[in-house]
Every structure is written in structure tokens, then in C-alpha cells.
C-alpha atoms as a PDB file:
ATOM      1  CA  GLY A   1      -5.975 -17.420   7.652  1.00  0.00           C
ATOM      2  CA  ARG A   2      -8.054 -15.449   5.456  1.00  0.00           C
ATOM      3  CA  VAL A   3      -6.849 -13.110   2.967  1.00  0.00           C
ATOM      4  CA  ARG A   4      -6.914  -9.408   3.911  1.00  0.00           C
ATOM      5  CA  THR A   5      -8.525  -7.793   0.875  1.00  0.00           C
ATOM      6  CA  ALA A   6      -9.679  -4.551  -0.146  1.00  0.00           C
ATOM      7  CA  LEU A   7     -11.801  -3.982  -3.256  1.00  0.00           C
ATOM      8  CA  VAL A   8     -11.904  -0.576  -5.334  1.00  0.00           C
ATOM      9  CA  ALA A   9     -14.685  -0.921  -7.945  1.00  0.00           C
ATOM     10  CA  ASN A  10     -17.284   2.091  -9.396  1.00  0.00           C
ATOM     11  CA  GLY A  11     -21.108   0.664  -9.337  1.00  0.00           C
ATOM     12  CA  SER A  12     -21.157  -1.155 -12.332  1.00  0.00           C
ATOM     13  CA  MET A  13     -22.806  -4.854 -12.614  1.00  0.00           C
ATOM     14  CA  PHE A  14     -19.779  -6.422 -13.040  1.00  0.00           C
ATOM     15  CA  ALA A  15     -18.322  -4.642  -9.733  1.00  0.00           C
ATOM     16  CA  THR A  16     -21.209  -5.336  -7.493  1.00  0.00           C
ATOM     17  CA  THR A  17     -20.771  -9.294  -9.021  1.00  0.00           C
ATOM     18  CA  VAL A  18     -17.629  -8.864  -7.922  1.00  0.00           C
ATOM     19  CA  LEU A  19     -18.281  -7.626  -4.501  1.00  0.00           C
ATOM     20  CA  ARG A  20     -21.081 -10.196  -3.727  1.00  0.00           C
ATOM     21  CA  THR A  21     -18.464 -12.926  -4.834  1.00  0.00           C
ATOM     22  CA  LEU A  22     -15.871 -11.773  -2.456  1.00  0.00           C
ATOM     23  CA  ILE A  23     -18.735 -11.669   0.499  1.00  0.00           C
ATOM     24  CA  GLU A  24     -19.224 -15.609  -0.319  1.00  0.00           C
ATOM     25  CA  ALA A  25     -15.724 -16.387  -0.491  1.00  0.00           C
ATOM     26  CA  SER A  26     -14.636 -18.408   2.530  1.00  0.00           C
ATOM     27  CA  SER A  27     -10.612 -17.494   1.935  1.00  0.00           C
ATOM     28  CA  ILE A  28     -11.751 -13.981   1.695  1.00  0.00           C
ATOM     29  CA  ASP A  29     -11.990 -11.359   4.707  1.00  0.00           C
ATOM     30  CA  LEU A  30     -12.872  -8.471   2.396  1.00  0.00           C
ATOM     31  CA  LYS A  31     -12.054  -5.477   4.823  1.00  0.00           C
ATOM     32  CA  LEU A  32     -12.779  -2.724   2.806  1.00  0.00           C
ATOM     33  CA  LEU A  33     -14.642  -1.391  -0.572  1.00  0.00           C
ATOM     34  CA  ILE A  34     -13.450   1.487  -1.599  1.00  0.00           C
ATOM     35  CA  LEU A  35     -16.182   3.402  -4.266  1.00  0.00           C
ATOM     36  CA  SER A  36     -14.448   4.642  -7.198  1.00  0.00           C
ATOM     37  CA  GLY A  37     -15.547   7.571 -10.031  1.00  0.00           C
ATOM     38  CA  GLU A  38     -19.023   8.090 -10.514  1.00  0.00           C
ATOM     39  CA  SER A  39     -20.089   5.236  -7.807  1.00  0.00           C
ATOM     40  CA  ASN A  40     -18.707   7.768  -5.112  1.00  0.00           C
ATOM     41  CA  ILE A  41     -21.807   8.806  -3.410  1.00  0.00           C
ATOM     42  CA  THR A  42     -20.306  12.136  -1.511  1.00  0.00           C
ATOM     43  CA  HIS A  43     -18.984  13.428  -5.286  1.00  0.00           C
ATOM     44  CA  GLY A  44     -19.697  16.731  -5.995  1.00  0.00           C
ATOM     45  CA  ALA A  45     -20.238  17.434  -2.280  1.00  0.00           C
ATOM     46  CA  GLY A  46     -19.553  21.039  -1.181  1.00  0.00           C
ATOM     47  CA  SER A  47     -18.864  22.126  -4.720  1.00  0.00           C
ATOM     48  CA  GLY A  48     -22.547  23.287  -5.875  1.00  0.00           C
ATOM     49  CA  ASN A  49     -23.053  20.212  -7.371  1.00  0.00           C
ATOM     50  CA  PRO A  50     -25.554  17.514  -6.273  1.00  0.00           C
ATOM     51  CA  PRO A  51     -24.216  14.445  -4.890  1.00  0.00           C
ATOM     52  CA  ILE A  52     -24.460  11.717  -7.553  1.00  0.00           C
ATOM     53  CA  PRO A  53     -27.104   9.220  -6.392  1.00  0.00           C
ATOM     54  CA  PRO A  54     -25.823   6.189  -4.712  1.00  0.00           C
ATOM     55  CA  VAL A  55     -25.453   2.863  -7.065  1.00  0.00           C
ATOM     56  CA  ARG A  56     -28.278   0.484  -6.709  1.00  0.00           C
ATOM     57  CA  VAL A  57     -27.904  -3.188  -6.137  1.00  0.00           C
ATOM     58  CA  THR A  58     -30.117  -5.288  -7.701  1.00  0.00           C
ATOM     59  CA  GLY A  59     -32.466  -7.252  -4.356  1.00  0.00           C
ATOM     60  CA  SER A  60     -31.419  -4.633  -1.493  1.00  0.00           C
ATOM     61  CA  GLY A  61     -30.129  -1.005  -1.004  1.00  0.00           C
ATOM     62  CA  THR A  62     -26.772   0.122  -2.483  1.00  0.00           C
ATOM     63  CA  MET A  63     -23.675  -1.413  -2.754  1.00  0.00           C
ATOM     64  CA  VAL A  64     -22.529   0.972   0.387  1.00  0.00           C
ATOM     65  CA  ASP A  65     -25.431  -1.090   1.591  1.00  0.00           C
ATOM     66  CA  LEU A  66     -24.041  -4.446   0.764  1.00  0.00           C
ATOM     67  CA  ALA A  67     -20.875  -3.789   2.221  1.00  0.00           C
ATOM     68  CA  ARG A  68     -21.727  -2.343   5.759  1.00  0.00           C
ATOM     69  CA  ASP A  69     -24.268  -5.231   5.938  1.00  0.00           C
ATOM     70  CA  ASN A  70     -21.424  -7.782   5.824  1.00  0.00           C
ATOM     71  CA  GLY A  71     -18.987  -6.158   7.828  1.00  0.00           C
ATOM     72  CA  ILE A  72     -16.728  -4.229   5.423  1.00  0.00           C
ATOM     73  CA  GLY A  73     -15.712  -0.829   5.854  1.00  0.00           C
ATOM     74  CA  VAL A  74     -16.564   1.930   2.625  1.00  0.00           C
ATOM     75  CA  ALA A  75     -14.607   4.367   1.410  1.00  0.00           C
ATOM     76  CA  ALA A  76     -14.431   6.959  -1.619  1.00  0.00           C
ATOM     77  CA  TYR A  77     -11.581   7.838  -3.831  1.00  0.00           C
ATOM     78  CA  ASN A  78     -11.520   9.827  -7.258  1.00  0.00           C
ATOM     79  CA  GLY A  79      -8.066   9.169  -8.264  1.00  0.00           C
ATOM     80  CA  GLY A  80      -4.587  10.608  -6.729  1.00  0.00           C
ATOM     81  CA  ALA A  81      -3.293   9.355  -3.013  1.00  0.00           C
ATOM     82  CA  ALA A  82      -6.014  10.291  -0.429  1.00  0.00           C
ATOM     83  CA  LEU A  83      -5.831   6.944   0.872  1.00  0.00           C
ATOM     84  CA  THR A  84      -2.541   5.870   2.707  1.00  0.00           C
ATOM     85  CA  THR A  85      -1.330   3.274   5.187  1.00  0.00           C
ATOM     86  CA  ALA A  86      -2.217   5.780   7.916  1.00  0.00           C
ATOM     87  CA  SER A  87      -5.803   4.965   6.708  1.00  0.00           C
ATOM     88  CA  PHE A  88      -5.861   1.435   8.151  1.00  0.00           C
ATOM     89  CA  GLU A  89      -5.011  -0.880  10.795  1.00  0.00           C
ATOM     90  CA  GLU A  90      -2.846  -3.110   8.897  1.00  0.00           C
ATOM     91  CA  PRO A  91      -1.793  -3.672   4.905  1.00  0.00           C
ATOM     92  CA  PHE A  92      -3.651  -5.663   2.787  1.00  0.00           C
ATOM     93  CA  ASP A  93      -2.441  -8.940   1.020  1.00  0.00           C
ATOM     94  CA  PHE A  94      -4.073  -8.346  -2.179  1.00  0.00           C
ATOM     95  CA  ILE A  95      -6.403  -4.791  -3.484  1.00  0.00           C
ATOM     96  CA  LEU A  96      -8.259  -6.008  -5.819  1.00  0.00           C
ATOM     97  CA  VAL A  97      -9.772  -3.439  -8.786  1.00  0.00           C
ATOM     98  CA  ALA A  98     -12.507  -3.819 -10.957  1.00  0.00           C
ATOM     99  CA  CYS A  99     -13.782  -1.158 -13.301  1.00  0.00           C
ATOM    100  CA  CYS A 100     -12.219   1.559 -11.840  1.00  0.00           C
ATOM    101  CA  ALA A 101     -11.321   3.950 -14.576  1.00  0.00           C
ATOM    102  CA  GLU A 102      -9.109   6.040 -12.692  1.00  0.00           C
ATOM    103  CA  TRP A 103      -5.869   5.868 -12.374  1.00  0.00           C
ATOM    104  CA  ILE A 104      -4.556   3.431  -9.235  1.00  0.00           C
ATOM    105  CA  ALA A 105      -1.661   5.960  -7.739  1.00  0.00           C
ATOM    106  CA  PRO A 106       1.397   3.727  -6.678  1.00  0.00           C
ATOM    107  CA  GLU A 107       0.552   5.705  -3.062  1.00  0.00           C
ATOM    108  CA  ILE A 108      -2.634   2.838  -3.673  1.00  0.00           C
ATOM    109  CA  ALA A 109      -0.995  -0.069  -4.818  1.00  0.00           C
ATOM    110  CA  ALA A 110       1.569  -0.011  -2.373  1.00  0.00           C
ATOM    111  CA  LEU A 111      -1.008  -0.332   0.286  1.00  0.00           C
ATOM    112  CA  ALA A 112      -0.763  -4.445  -0.735  1.00  0.00           C
ATOM    113  CA  LYS A 113       1.328  -6.309   0.816  1.00  0.00           C
ATOM    114  CA  HIS A 114       1.193  -9.156  -1.787  1.00  0.00           C
ATOM    115  CA  ALA A 115      -0.212  -7.278  -5.041  1.00  0.00           C
ATOM    116  CA  CYS A 116      -2.727  -4.955  -6.587  1.00  0.00           C
ATOM    117  CA  LEU A 117      -4.426  -6.527  -9.078  1.00  0.00           C
ATOM    118  CA  ASN A 118      -7.192  -5.814 -11.897  1.00  0.00           C
ATOM    119  CA  LEU A 119     -10.251  -7.839 -12.796  1.00  0.00           C
ATOM    120  CA  HIS A 120     -10.929  -6.877 -16.422  1.00  0.00           C
ATOM    121  CA  PRO A 121     -14.065  -7.684 -18.210  1.00  0.00           C
ATOM    122  CA  SER A 122     -11.957  -8.893 -21.385  1.00  0.00           C
ATOM    123  CA  LEU A 123      -8.788 -10.977 -22.718  1.00  0.00           C
ATOM    124  CA  LEU A 124      -6.023  -8.744 -22.441  1.00  0.00           C
ATOM    125  CA  SER A 125      -3.977  -7.437 -24.408  1.00  0.00           C
ATOM    126  CA  ARG A 126      -7.223  -6.588 -26.279  1.00  0.00           C
ATOM    127  CA  TYR A 127      -9.818  -4.246 -25.046  1.00  0.00           C
ATOM    128  CA  ARG A 128      -7.724  -2.224 -23.101  1.00  0.00           C
ATOM    129  CA  GLY A 129      -9.138   0.751 -20.787  1.00  0.00           C
ATOM    130  CA  PRO A 130     -12.777   1.466 -19.951  1.00  0.00           C
ATOM    131  CA  GLU A 131     -15.874  -0.058 -21.488  1.00  0.00           C
ATOM    132  CA  PRO A 132     -14.592  -2.719 -22.635  1.00  0.00           C
ATOM    133  CA  ILE A 133     -17.897  -4.842 -22.534  1.00  0.00           C
ATOM    134  CA  PHE A 134     -19.730  -1.939 -24.669  1.00  0.00           C
ATOM    135  CA  TRP A 135     -16.230  -1.901 -27.390  1.00  0.00           C
ATOM    136  CA  GLN A 136     -16.443  -6.197 -27.573  1.00  0.00           C
ATOM    137  CA  LEU A 137     -20.637  -6.012 -28.152  1.00  0.00           C
ATOM    138  CA  LYS A 138     -19.827  -3.213 -31.033  1.00  0.00           C
ATOM    139  CA  ALA A 139     -17.145  -4.874 -32.378  1.00  0.00           C
ATOM    140  CA  GLY A 140     -19.280  -7.924 -32.470  1.00  0.00           C
ATOM    141  CA  GLU A 141     -17.092 -10.346 -30.804  1.00  0.00           C
ATOM    142  CA  THR A 142     -18.803 -13.838 -30.065  1.00  0.00           C
ATOM    143  CA  ASN A 143     -16.224 -14.980 -27.341  1.00  0.00           C
ATOM    144  CA  THR A 144     -15.084 -12.865 -24.528  1.00  0.00           C
ATOM    145  CA  GLY A 145     -13.318 -13.180 -21.379  1.00  0.00           C
ATOM    146  CA  ILE A 146     -11.879 -12.149 -18.044  1.00  0.00           C
ATOM    147  CA  SER A 147      -8.315 -11.348 -17.323  1.00  0.00           C
ATOM    148  CA  LEU A 148      -7.094 -10.879 -13.826  1.00  0.00           C
ATOM    149  CA  HIS A 149      -3.787  -8.844 -14.213  1.00  0.00           C
ATOM    150  CA  HIS A 150      -1.306  -6.301 -11.872  1.00  0.00           C
ATOM    151  CA  ILE A 151      -1.473  -2.681 -11.850  1.00  0.00           C
ATOM    152  CA  GLU A 152       1.002  -0.497 -13.826  1.00  0.00           C
ATOM    153  CA  VAL A 153       1.430   3.091 -14.477  1.00  0.00           C
ATOM    154  CA  ARG A 154      -0.240   2.306 -17.975  1.00  0.00           C
ATOM    155  CA  MET A 155      -3.834   1.250 -17.635  1.00  0.00           C
ATOM    156  CA  ASP A 156      -4.482  -2.255 -18.079  1.00  0.00           C
ATOM    157  CA  SER A 157      -0.867  -3.372 -19.292  1.00  0.00           C
ATOM    158  CA  GLY A 158       1.040  -4.890 -16.241  1.00  0.00           C
ATOM    159  CA  PRO A 159       1.391  -8.954 -16.643  1.00  0.00           C
ATOM    160  CA  VAL A 160      -1.625 -11.163 -16.542  1.00  0.00           C
ATOM    161  CA  VAL A 161      -1.681 -13.619 -13.543  1.00  0.00           C
ATOM    162  CA  ALA A 162      -5.306 -15.457 -15.221  1.00  0.00           C
ATOM    163  CA  MET A 163      -7.358 -15.359 -17.894  1.00  0.00           C
ATOM    164  CA  HIS A 164     -10.703 -16.722 -18.605  1.00  0.00           C
ATOM    165  CA  ARG A 165     -12.524 -16.930 -22.203  1.00  0.00           C
ATOM    166  CA  VAL A 166     -15.993 -17.390 -22.136  1.00  0.00           C
ATOM    167  CA  ALA A 167     -18.882 -17.500 -25.267  1.00  0.00           C
ATOM    168  CA  TYR A 168     -21.701 -14.936 -25.487  1.00  0.00           C
END
């Protein structure tokens, strides 16, 4: 059967590409888009601060629209353990993280039956942490890549499952 998956992402171009790729993958049953950080369209609501504008996706409305148009649920995540197993009908096979600057709480990682994995836009162990593409360009790198690794307590430090190198 199809792999029941949740995606934790911000609204970056990288995260949007991951969302579109998962939607198009016939083996993936993407059930939930969990928006993190600046892409959380309800961030600031009720605090006297204006909500952050929705993240725009090229060719359509927002990432939220893209998810909902494809039958994918949407939730917000601002760190901590606000999402719990009680929030969902059944556990996910995998949780995939793409461009989430917040630490993923163990309670969130535990929602995955098999693994909570991060798709990081650098060849780890180099350029850990936020904004790796910026830091690679600033350093004048001519090669980069993508790393898929397990989520651990320290950001971008879990065992690497796969890497793919590309040239700029």
C-alpha cells in the first residue's frame, strides 16, 4: 500500500518543491502538511500582532491551498509538543521534515511508526542548521547536495540515510 506520511515544512521554495514532489509520488499518501515558523498563517493572531501573510506558491494560491486542493490536511506547529497522537486518526508511517528551523519535539517524532526524517539542503555534516543554501553560496561552494537523515535531539545531527550531490 501507499506510505502514510506527514510533512513538516516552512514556506520556502525548497519545502514547496518537496510538497509538490510528495503530492505527485504514487507511493506516498501525504495526509498532513504541518506548517512551521514564519509560514504559520495564524502566527501572531490574538497576540496584538497581525498574522503573517500566507506563503505564496508559484502558479497557485498558498501552500495551504495546494495541500487542501489535494485532500491534504493542514496544521500549525510552533515548536513544543502541541501536536499529539490524539490529533490524528492513526500514526504516520513516516514524518518528513523540510526546512523547519524549530526543534522537533520527541513527542512529534514519535508520531511516526517507522522514522521521522529530515530532508536537509546540504551535504551533511557541513552546513548544519538554518539557511544552509545561503551559507553554501556565501562560501563559494560549487557543489552542494541534499541529505536525508534521522531526526535527533541536536539539529541536523542524526544518522544519514541517503545523500545526493549536485553541482551549481
